[in-house]
Amino acid sequence: MSGQAVLHIDSCRGDFMKDATCKPQEGNVVQTIVSGNTTIHFCDDSIQTDEASIRNILERYEQIGWDIFQSQNK
């Protein structure tokens, strides 16, 4: 899972962004955690949809698996 920092504001520490030039971004929120005054949204925005990218990722996984397997047999 990849993460994306959307927006951080901590007014208790004094770093409230009154003139924030960055606006919160929309993301595919997969989990939200609230801790005190802090809300953390975990986003998974790196989903591949085209066949070439998916094939490339699966080939890399396969190569990594074979490398691990062969290193165990040495």
PDB file of N, CA and C in Angstrom:
ATOM      1  N   MET A   1       0.848  -1.167   0.000  1.00  0.00           N
ATOM      2  CA  MET A   1       0.000   0.000   0.000  1.00  0.00           C
ATOM      3  C   MET A   1       0.893   1.230   0.000  1.00  0.00           C
ATOM      4  N   SER A   2       0.572   2.163  -0.799  1.00  0.00           N
ATOM      5  CA  SER A   2       1.308   3.396  -0.783  1.00  0.00           C
ATOM      6  C   SER A   2       0.566   4.420   0.033  1.00  0.00           C
ATOM      7  N   GLY A   3       1.290   5.422   0.493  1.00  0.00           N
ATOM      8  CA  GLY A   3       0.648   6.452   1.279  1.00  0.00           C
ATOM      9  C   GLY A   3       0.779   7.797   0.622  1.00  0.00           C
ATOM     10  N   GLN A   4      -0.155   8.638   0.909  1.00  0.00           N
ATOM     11  CA  GLN A   4      -0.129   9.987   0.369  1.00  0.00           C
ATOM     12  C   GLN A   4      -0.503  10.939   1.486  1.00  0.00           C
ATOM     13  N   ALA A   5       0.380  11.886   1.785  1.00  0.00           N
ATOM     14  CA  ALA A   5       0.059  12.895   2.784  1.00  0.00           C
ATOM     15  C   ALA A   5      -0.908  13.882   2.155  1.00  0.00           C
ATOM     16  N   VAL A   6      -2.071  14.003   2.725  1.00  0.00           N
ATOM     17  CA  VAL A   6      -3.088  14.858   2.135  1.00  0.00           C
ATOM     18  C   VAL A   6      -2.946  16.278   2.659  1.00  0.00           C
ATOM     19  N   LEU A   7      -3.023  16.481   3.947  1.00  0.00           N
ATOM     20  CA  LEU A   7      -2.870  17.805   4.536  1.00  0.00           C
ATOM     21  C   LEU A   7      -2.629  17.621   6.018  1.00  0.00           C
ATOM     22  N   HIS A   8      -1.689  18.359   6.574  1.00  0.00           N
ATOM     23  CA  HIS A   8      -1.394  18.250   7.998  1.00  0.00           C
ATOM     24  C   HIS A   8      -1.583  19.614   8.641  1.00  0.00           C
ATOM     25  N   ILE A   9      -2.453  19.670   9.625  1.00  0.00           N
ATOM     26  CA  ILE A   9      -2.655  20.893  10.395  1.00  0.00           C
ATOM     27  C   ILE A   9      -2.686  20.493  11.863  1.00  0.00           C
ATOM     28  N   ASP A  10      -1.814  21.072  12.661  1.00  0.00           N
ATOM     29  CA  ASP A  10      -1.779  20.803  14.099  1.00  0.00           C
ATOM     30  C   ASP A  10      -1.849  22.139  14.820  1.00  0.00           C
ATOM     31  N   SER A  11      -3.046  22.577  15.134  1.00  0.00           N
ATOM     32  CA  SER A  11      -3.209  23.896  15.742  1.00  0.00           C
ATOM     33  C   SER A  11      -2.718  23.925  17.188  1.00  0.00           C
ATOM     34  N   CYS A  12      -2.625  22.768  17.837  1.00  0.00           N
ATOM     35  CA  CYS A  12      -2.139  22.738  19.220  1.00  0.00           C
ATOM     36  C   CYS A  12      -0.660  23.081  19.287  1.00  0.00           C
ATOM     37  N   ARG A  13       0.091  22.714  18.242  1.00  0.00           N
ATOM     38  CA  ARG A  13       1.515  22.987  18.205  1.00  0.00           C
ATOM     39  C   ARG A  13       1.807  24.372  17.652  1.00  0.00           C
ATOM     40  N   GLY A  14       0.797  25.001  17.100  1.00  0.00           N
ATOM     41  CA  GLY A  14       0.998  26.354  16.593  1.00  0.00           C
ATOM     42  C   GLY A  14       1.295  26.410  15.110  1.00  0.00           C
ATOM     43  N   ASP A  15       1.188  25.307  14.386  1.00  0.00           N
ATOM     44  CA  ASP A  15       1.511  25.359  12.960  1.00  0.00           C
ATOM     45  C   ASP A  15       0.246  25.317  12.099  1.00  0.00           C
ATOM     46  N   PHE A  16      -0.800  25.996  12.573  1.00  0.00           N
ATOM     47  CA  PHE A  16      -2.043  26.066  11.809  1.00  0.00           C
ATOM     48  C   PHE A  16      -1.768  26.806  10.502  1.00  0.00           C
ATOM     49  N   MET A  17      -2.218  26.245   9.425  1.00  0.00           N
ATOM     50  CA  MET A  17      -1.924  26.799   8.107  1.00  0.00           C
ATOM     51  C   MET A  17      -3.050  27.748   7.694  1.00  0.00           C
ATOM     52  N   LYS A  18      -2.996  28.988   8.184  1.00  0.00           N
ATOM     53  CA  LYS A  18      -4.043  29.966   7.887  1.00  0.00           C
ATOM     54  C   LYS A  18      -4.107  30.261   6.392  1.00  0.00           C
ATOM     55  N   ASP A  19      -2.961  30.452   5.792  1.00  0.00           N
ATOM     56  CA  ASP A  19      -2.897  30.789   4.376  1.00  0.00           C
ATOM     57  C   ASP A  19      -2.364  29.606   3.587  1.00  0.00           C
ATOM     58  N   ALA A  20      -2.934  28.438   3.828  1.00  0.00           N
ATOM     59  CA  ALA A  20      -2.447  27.217   3.167  1.00  0.00           C
ATOM     60  C   ALA A  20      -2.608  27.341   1.661  1.00  0.00           C
ATOM     61  N   THR A  21      -1.507  27.186   0.967  1.00  0.00           N
ATOM     62  CA  THR A  21      -1.577  27.236  -0.494  1.00  0.00           C
ATOM     63  C   THR A  21      -1.956  25.875  -1.054  1.00  0.00           C
ATOM     64  N   CYS A  22      -1.741  24.810  -0.278  1.00  0.00           N
ATOM     65  CA  CYS A  22      -2.132  23.487  -0.751  1.00  0.00           C
ATOM     66  C   CYS A  22      -3.496  23.154  -0.176  1.00  0.00           C
ATOM     67  N   LYS A  23      -4.309  22.591  -0.988  1.00  0.00           N
ATOM     68  CA  LYS A  23      -5.645  22.201  -0.555  1.00  0.00           C
ATOM     69  C   LYS A  23      -5.661  20.684  -0.390  1.00  0.00           C
ATOM     70  N   PRO A  24      -6.499  20.172   0.510  1.00  0.00           N
ATOM     71  CA  PRO A  24      -6.578  18.715   0.653  1.00  0.00           C
ATOM     72  C   PRO A  24      -6.919  18.069  -0.677  1.00  0.00           C
ATOM     73  N   GLN A  25      -6.228  16.991  -0.985  1.00  0.00           N
ATOM     74  CA  GLN A  25      -6.446  16.287  -2.238  1.00  0.00           C
ATOM     75  C   GLN A  25      -7.413  15.143  -2.013  1.00  0.00           C
ATOM     76  N   GLU A  26      -8.191  14.857  -3.052  1.00  0.00           N
ATOM     77  CA  GLU A  26      -9.070  13.706  -2.993  1.00  0.00           C
ATOM     78  C   GLU A  26      -8.230  12.462  -3.219  1.00  0.00           C
ATOM     79  N   GLY A  27      -8.537  11.409  -2.529  1.00  0.00           N
ATOM     80  CA  GLY A  27      -7.799  10.173  -2.694  1.00  0.00           C
ATOM     81  C   GLY A  27      -8.697   8.988  -2.430  1.00  0.00           C
ATOM     82  N   ASN A  28      -8.228   7.829  -2.773  1.00  0.00           N
ATOM     83  CA  ASN A  28      -8.947   6.592  -2.504  1.00  0.00           C
ATOM     84  C   ASN A  28      -8.628   6.195  -1.071  1.00  0.00           C
ATOM     85  N   VAL A  29      -9.394   6.707  -0.107  1.00  0.00           N
ATOM     86  CA  VAL A  29      -9.130   6.478   1.310  1.00  0.00           C
ATOM     87  C   VAL A  29      -9.481   5.034   1.647  1.00  0.00           C
ATOM     88  N   VAL A  30      -8.481   4.274   2.125  1.00  0.00           N
ATOM     89  CA  VAL A  30      -8.697   2.881   2.481  1.00  0.00           C
ATOM     90  C   VAL A  30      -8.780   2.686   3.990  1.00  0.00           C
ATOM     91  N   GLN A  31      -8.301   3.652   4.765  1.00  0.00           N
ATOM     92  CA  GLN A  31      -8.386   3.560   6.219  1.00  0.00           C
ATOM     93  C   GLN A  31      -8.240   4.947   6.809  1.00  0.00           C
ATOM     94  N   THR A  32      -8.988   5.215   7.864  1.00  0.00           N
ATOM     95  CA  THR A  32      -8.908   6.483   8.576  1.00  0.00           C
ATOM     96  C   THR A  32      -8.672   6.199  10.045  1.00  0.00           C
ATOM     97  N   ILE A  33      -7.696   6.891  10.632  1.00  0.00           N
ATOM     98  CA  ILE A  33      -7.363   6.738  12.043  1.00  0.00           C
ATOM     99  C   ILE A  33      -7.473   8.106  12.693  1.00  0.00           C
ATOM    100  N   VAL A  34      -8.095   8.170  13.854  1.00  0.00           N
ATOM    101  CA  VAL A  34      -8.186   9.413  14.622  1.00  0.00           C
ATOM    102  C   VAL A  34      -7.424   9.194  15.918  1.00  0.00           C
ATOM    103  N   SER A  35      -6.456  10.075  16.182  1.00  0.00           N
ATOM    104  CA  SER A  35      -5.665  10.009  17.403  1.00  0.00           C
ATOM    105  C   SER A  35      -5.650  11.400  18.018  1.00  0.00           C
ATOM    106  N   GLY A  36      -6.431  11.599  19.060  1.00  0.00           N
ATOM    107  CA  GLY A  36      -6.523  12.927  19.667  1.00  0.00           C
ATOM    108  C   GLY A  36      -7.154  13.902  18.690  1.00  0.00           C
ATOM    109  N   ASN A  37      -6.419  14.983  18.390  1.00  0.00           N
ATOM    110  CA  ASN A  37      -6.904  15.992  17.447  1.00  0.00           C
ATOM    111  C   ASN A  37      -6.428  15.735  16.022  1.00  0.00           C
ATOM    112  N   THR A  38      -5.796  14.612  15.788  1.00  0.00           N
ATOM    113  CA  THR A  38      -5.217  14.322  14.481  1.00  0.00           C
ATOM    114  C   THR A  38      -6.025  13.250  13.773  1.00  0.00           C
ATOM    115  N   THR A  39      -6.355  13.504  12.519  1.00  0.00           N
ATOM    116  CA  THR A  39      -7.028  12.529  11.676  1.00  0.00           C
ATOM    117  C   THR A  39      -6.082  12.152  10.553  1.00  0.00           C
ATOM    118  N   ILE A  40      -5.854  10.861  10.381  1.00  0.00           N
ATOM    119  CA  ILE A  40      -4.940  10.363   9.348  1.00  0.00           C
ATOM    120  C   ILE A  40      -5.751   9.544   8.360  1.00  0.00           C
ATOM    121  N   HIS A  41      -5.645   9.909   7.092  1.00  0.00           N
ATOM    122  CA  HIS A  41      -6.306   9.165   6.023  1.00  0.00           C
ATOM    123  C   HIS A  41      -5.231   8.427   5.232  1.00  0.00           C
ATOM    124  N   PHE A  42      -5.337   7.106   5.131  1.00  0.00           N
ATOM    125  CA  PHE A  42      -4.422   6.314   4.321  1.00  0.00           C
ATOM    126  C   PHE A  42      -5.072   6.132   2.957  1.00  0.00           C
ATOM    127  N   CYS A  43      -4.355   6.533   1.922  1.00  0.00           N
ATOM    128  CA  CYS A  43      -4.882   6.468   0.557  1.00  0.00           C
ATOM    129  C   CYS A  43      -4.092   5.473  -0.267  1.00  0.00           C
ATOM    130  N   ASP A  44      -4.785   4.801  -1.156  1.00  0.00           N
ATOM    131  CA  ASP A  44      -4.142   3.889  -2.094  1.00  0.00           C
ATOM    132  C   ASP A  44      -4.438   4.408  -3.491  1.00  0.00           C
ATOM    133  N   ASP A  45      -3.577   5.286  -3.969  1.00  0.00           N
ATOM    134  CA  ASP A  45      -3.799   5.937  -5.254  1.00  0.00           C
ATOM    135  C   ASP A  45      -2.868   5.419  -6.338  1.00  0.00           C
ATOM    136  N   SER A  46      -2.231   4.300  -6.092  1.00  0.00           N
ATOM    137  CA  SER A  46      -1.275   3.809  -7.084  1.00  0.00           C
ATOM    138  C   SER A  46      -1.774   2.531  -7.747  1.00  0.00           C
ATOM    139  N   ILE A  47      -3.059   2.454  -8.006  1.00  0.00           N
ATOM    140  CA  ILE A  47      -3.632   1.276  -8.646  1.00  0.00           C
ATOM    141  C   ILE A  47      -3.337   1.326 -10.140  1.00  0.00           C
ATOM    142  N   GLN A  48      -2.745   0.271 -10.645  1.00  0.00           N
ATOM    143  CA  GLN A  48      -2.433   0.178 -12.069  1.00  0.00           C
ATOM    144  C   GLN A  48      -3.611  -0.446 -12.799  1.00  0.00           C
ATOM    145  N   THR A  49      -3.978   0.107 -13.935  1.00  0.00           N
ATOM    146  CA  THR A  49      -5.118  -0.419 -14.670  1.00  0.00           C
ATOM    147  C   THR A  49      -4.760  -0.905 -16.065  1.00  0.00           C
ATOM    148  N   ASP A  50      -3.632  -0.436 -16.616  1.00  0.00           N
ATOM    149  CA  ASP A  50      -3.307  -0.876 -17.974  1.00  0.00           C
ATOM    150  C   ASP A  50      -2.541  -2.197 -17.939  1.00  0.00           C
ATOM    151  N   GLU A  51      -2.787  -3.026 -18.935  1.00  0.00           N
ATOM    152  CA  GLU A  51      -2.249  -4.389 -18.986  1.00  0.00           C
ATOM    153  C   GLU A  51      -0.726  -4.427 -18.938  1.00  0.00           C
ATOM    154  N   ALA A  52      -0.062  -3.508 -19.633  1.00  0.00           N
ATOM    155  CA  ALA A  52       1.408  -3.507 -19.673  1.00  0.00           C
ATOM    156  C   ALA A  52       1.996  -3.285 -18.277  1.00  0.00           C
ATOM    157  N   SER A  53       1.445  -2.342 -17.538  1.00  0.00           N
ATOM    158  CA  SER A  53       1.950  -2.070 -16.185  1.00  0.00           C
ATOM    159  C   SER A  53       1.699  -3.256 -15.260  1.00  0.00           C
ATOM    160  N   ILE A  54       0.519  -3.848 -15.359  1.00  0.00           N
ATOM    161  CA  ILE A  54       0.195  -5.008 -14.516  1.00  0.00           C
ATOM    162  C   ILE A  54       1.129  -6.163 -14.828  1.00  0.00           C
ATOM    163  N   ARG A  55       1.368  -6.434 -16.106  1.00  0.00           N
ATOM    164  CA  ARG A  55       2.261  -7.516 -16.522  1.00  0.00           C
ATOM    165  C   ARG A  55       3.678  -7.256 -16.007  1.00  0.00           C
ATOM    166  N   ASN A  56       4.139  -6.008 -16.108  1.00  0.00           N
ATOM    167  CA  ASN A  56       5.474  -5.642 -15.636  1.00  0.00           C
ATOM    168  C   ASN A  56       5.605  -5.877 -14.137  1.00  0.00           C
ATOM    169  N   ILE A  57       4.601  -5.488 -13.369  1.00  0.00           N
ATOM    170  CA  ILE A  57       4.630  -5.677 -11.916  1.00  0.00           C
ATOM    171  C   ILE A  57       4.660  -7.167 -11.572  1.00  0.00           C
ATOM    172  N   LEU A  58       3.824  -7.961 -12.231  1.00  0.00           N
ATOM    173  CA  LEU A  58       3.795  -9.401 -11.953  1.00  0.00           C
ATOM    174  C   LEU A  58       5.114 -10.069 -12.325  1.00  0.00           C
ATOM    175  N   GLU A  59       5.741  -9.637 -13.424  1.00  0.00           N
ATOM    176  CA  GLU A  59       7.049 -10.189 -13.792  1.00  0.00           C
ATOM    177  C   GLU A  59       8.103  -9.836 -12.747  1.00  0.00           C
ATOM    178  N   ARG A  60       8.047  -8.616 -12.206  1.00  0.00           N
ATOM    179  CA  ARG A  60       8.998  -8.234 -11.154  1.00  0.00           C
ATOM    180  C   ARG A  60       8.779  -9.077  -9.900  1.00  0.00           C
ATOM    181  N   TYR A  61       7.512  -9.301  -9.515  1.00  0.00           N
ATOM    182  CA  TYR A  61       7.213 -10.158  -8.362  1.00  0.00           C
ATOM    183  C   TYR A  61       7.758 -11.563  -8.573  1.00  0.00           C
ATOM    184  N   GLU A  62       7.563 -12.088  -9.778  1.00  0.00           N
ATOM    185  CA  GLU A  62       8.045 -13.435 -10.073  1.00  0.00           C
ATOM    186  C   GLU A  62       9.562 -13.506  -9.976  1.00  0.00           C
ATOM    187  N   GLN A  63      10.264 -12.492 -10.523  1.00  0.00           N
ATOM    188  CA  GLN A  63      11.723 -12.475 -10.463  1.00  0.00           C
ATOM    189  C   GLN A  63      12.212 -12.381  -9.019  1.00  0.00           C
ATOM    190  N   ILE A  64      11.570 -11.542  -8.227  1.00  0.00           N
ATOM    191  CA  ILE A  64      11.951 -11.412  -6.820  1.00  0.00           C
ATOM    192  C   ILE A  64      11.737 -12.735  -6.089  1.00  0.00           C
ATOM    193  N   GLY A  65      10.618 -13.399  -6.373  1.00  0.00           N
ATOM    194  CA  GLY A  65      10.347 -14.699  -5.750  1.00  0.00           C
ATOM    195  C   GLY A  65      11.400 -15.731  -6.107  1.00  0.00           C
ATOM    196  N   TRP A  66      11.783 -15.799  -7.398  1.00  0.00           N
ATOM    197  CA  TRP A  66      12.820 -16.739  -7.812  1.00  0.00           C
ATOM    198  C   TRP A  66      14.156 -16.402  -7.169  1.00  0.00           C
ATOM    199  N   ASP A  67      14.486 -15.121  -7.066  1.00  0.00           N
ATOM    200  CA  ASP A  67      15.739 -14.733  -6.419  1.00  0.00           C
ATOM    201  C   ASP A  67      15.761 -15.194  -4.961  1.00  0.00           C
ATOM    202  N   ILE A  68      14.648 -15.028  -4.257  1.00  0.00           N
ATOM    203  CA  ILE A  68      14.573 -15.488  -2.855  1.00  0.00           C
ATOM    204  C   ILE A  68      14.704 -17.007  -2.798  1.00  0.00           C
ATOM    205  N   PHE A  69      13.978 -17.707  -3.651  1.00  0.00           N
ATOM    206  CA  PHE A  69      14.004 -19.174  -3.679  1.00  0.00           C
ATOM    207  C   PHE A  69      15.429 -19.679  -3.939  1.00  0.00           C
ATOM    208  N   GLN A  70      16.098 -19.096  -4.924  1.00  0.00           N
ATOM    209  CA  GLN A  70      17.457 -19.560  -5.268  1.00  0.00           C
ATOM    210  C   GLN A  70      18.453 -19.205  -4.159  1.00  0.00           C
ATOM    211  N   SER A  71      18.249 -18.086  -3.465  1.00  0.00           N
ATOM    212  CA  SER A  71      19.182 -17.724  -2.391  1.00  0.00           C
ATOM    213  C   SER A  71      19.025 -18.682  -1.201  1.00  0.00           C
ATOM    214  N   GLN A  72      17.854 -19.278  -1.023  1.00  0.00           N
ATOM    215  CA  GLN A  72      17.618 -20.228   0.066  1.00  0.00           C
ATOM    216  C   GLN A  72      18.284 -21.582  -0.226  1.00  0.00           C
ATOM    217  N   ASN A  73      18.493 -21.901  -1.493  1.00  0.00           N
ATOM    218  CA  ASN A  73      19.066 -23.195  -1.866  1.00  0.00           C
ATOM    219  C   ASN A  73      20.587 -23.167  -1.963  1.00  0.00           C
ATOM    220  N   LYS A  74      21.226 -22.064  -1.692  1.00  0.00           N
ATOM    221  CA  LYS A  74      22.689 -21.975  -1.793  1.00  0.00           C
ATOM    222  C   LYS A  74      23.341 -22.413  -0.511  1.00  0.00           C
TER     223      LYS A  74
END
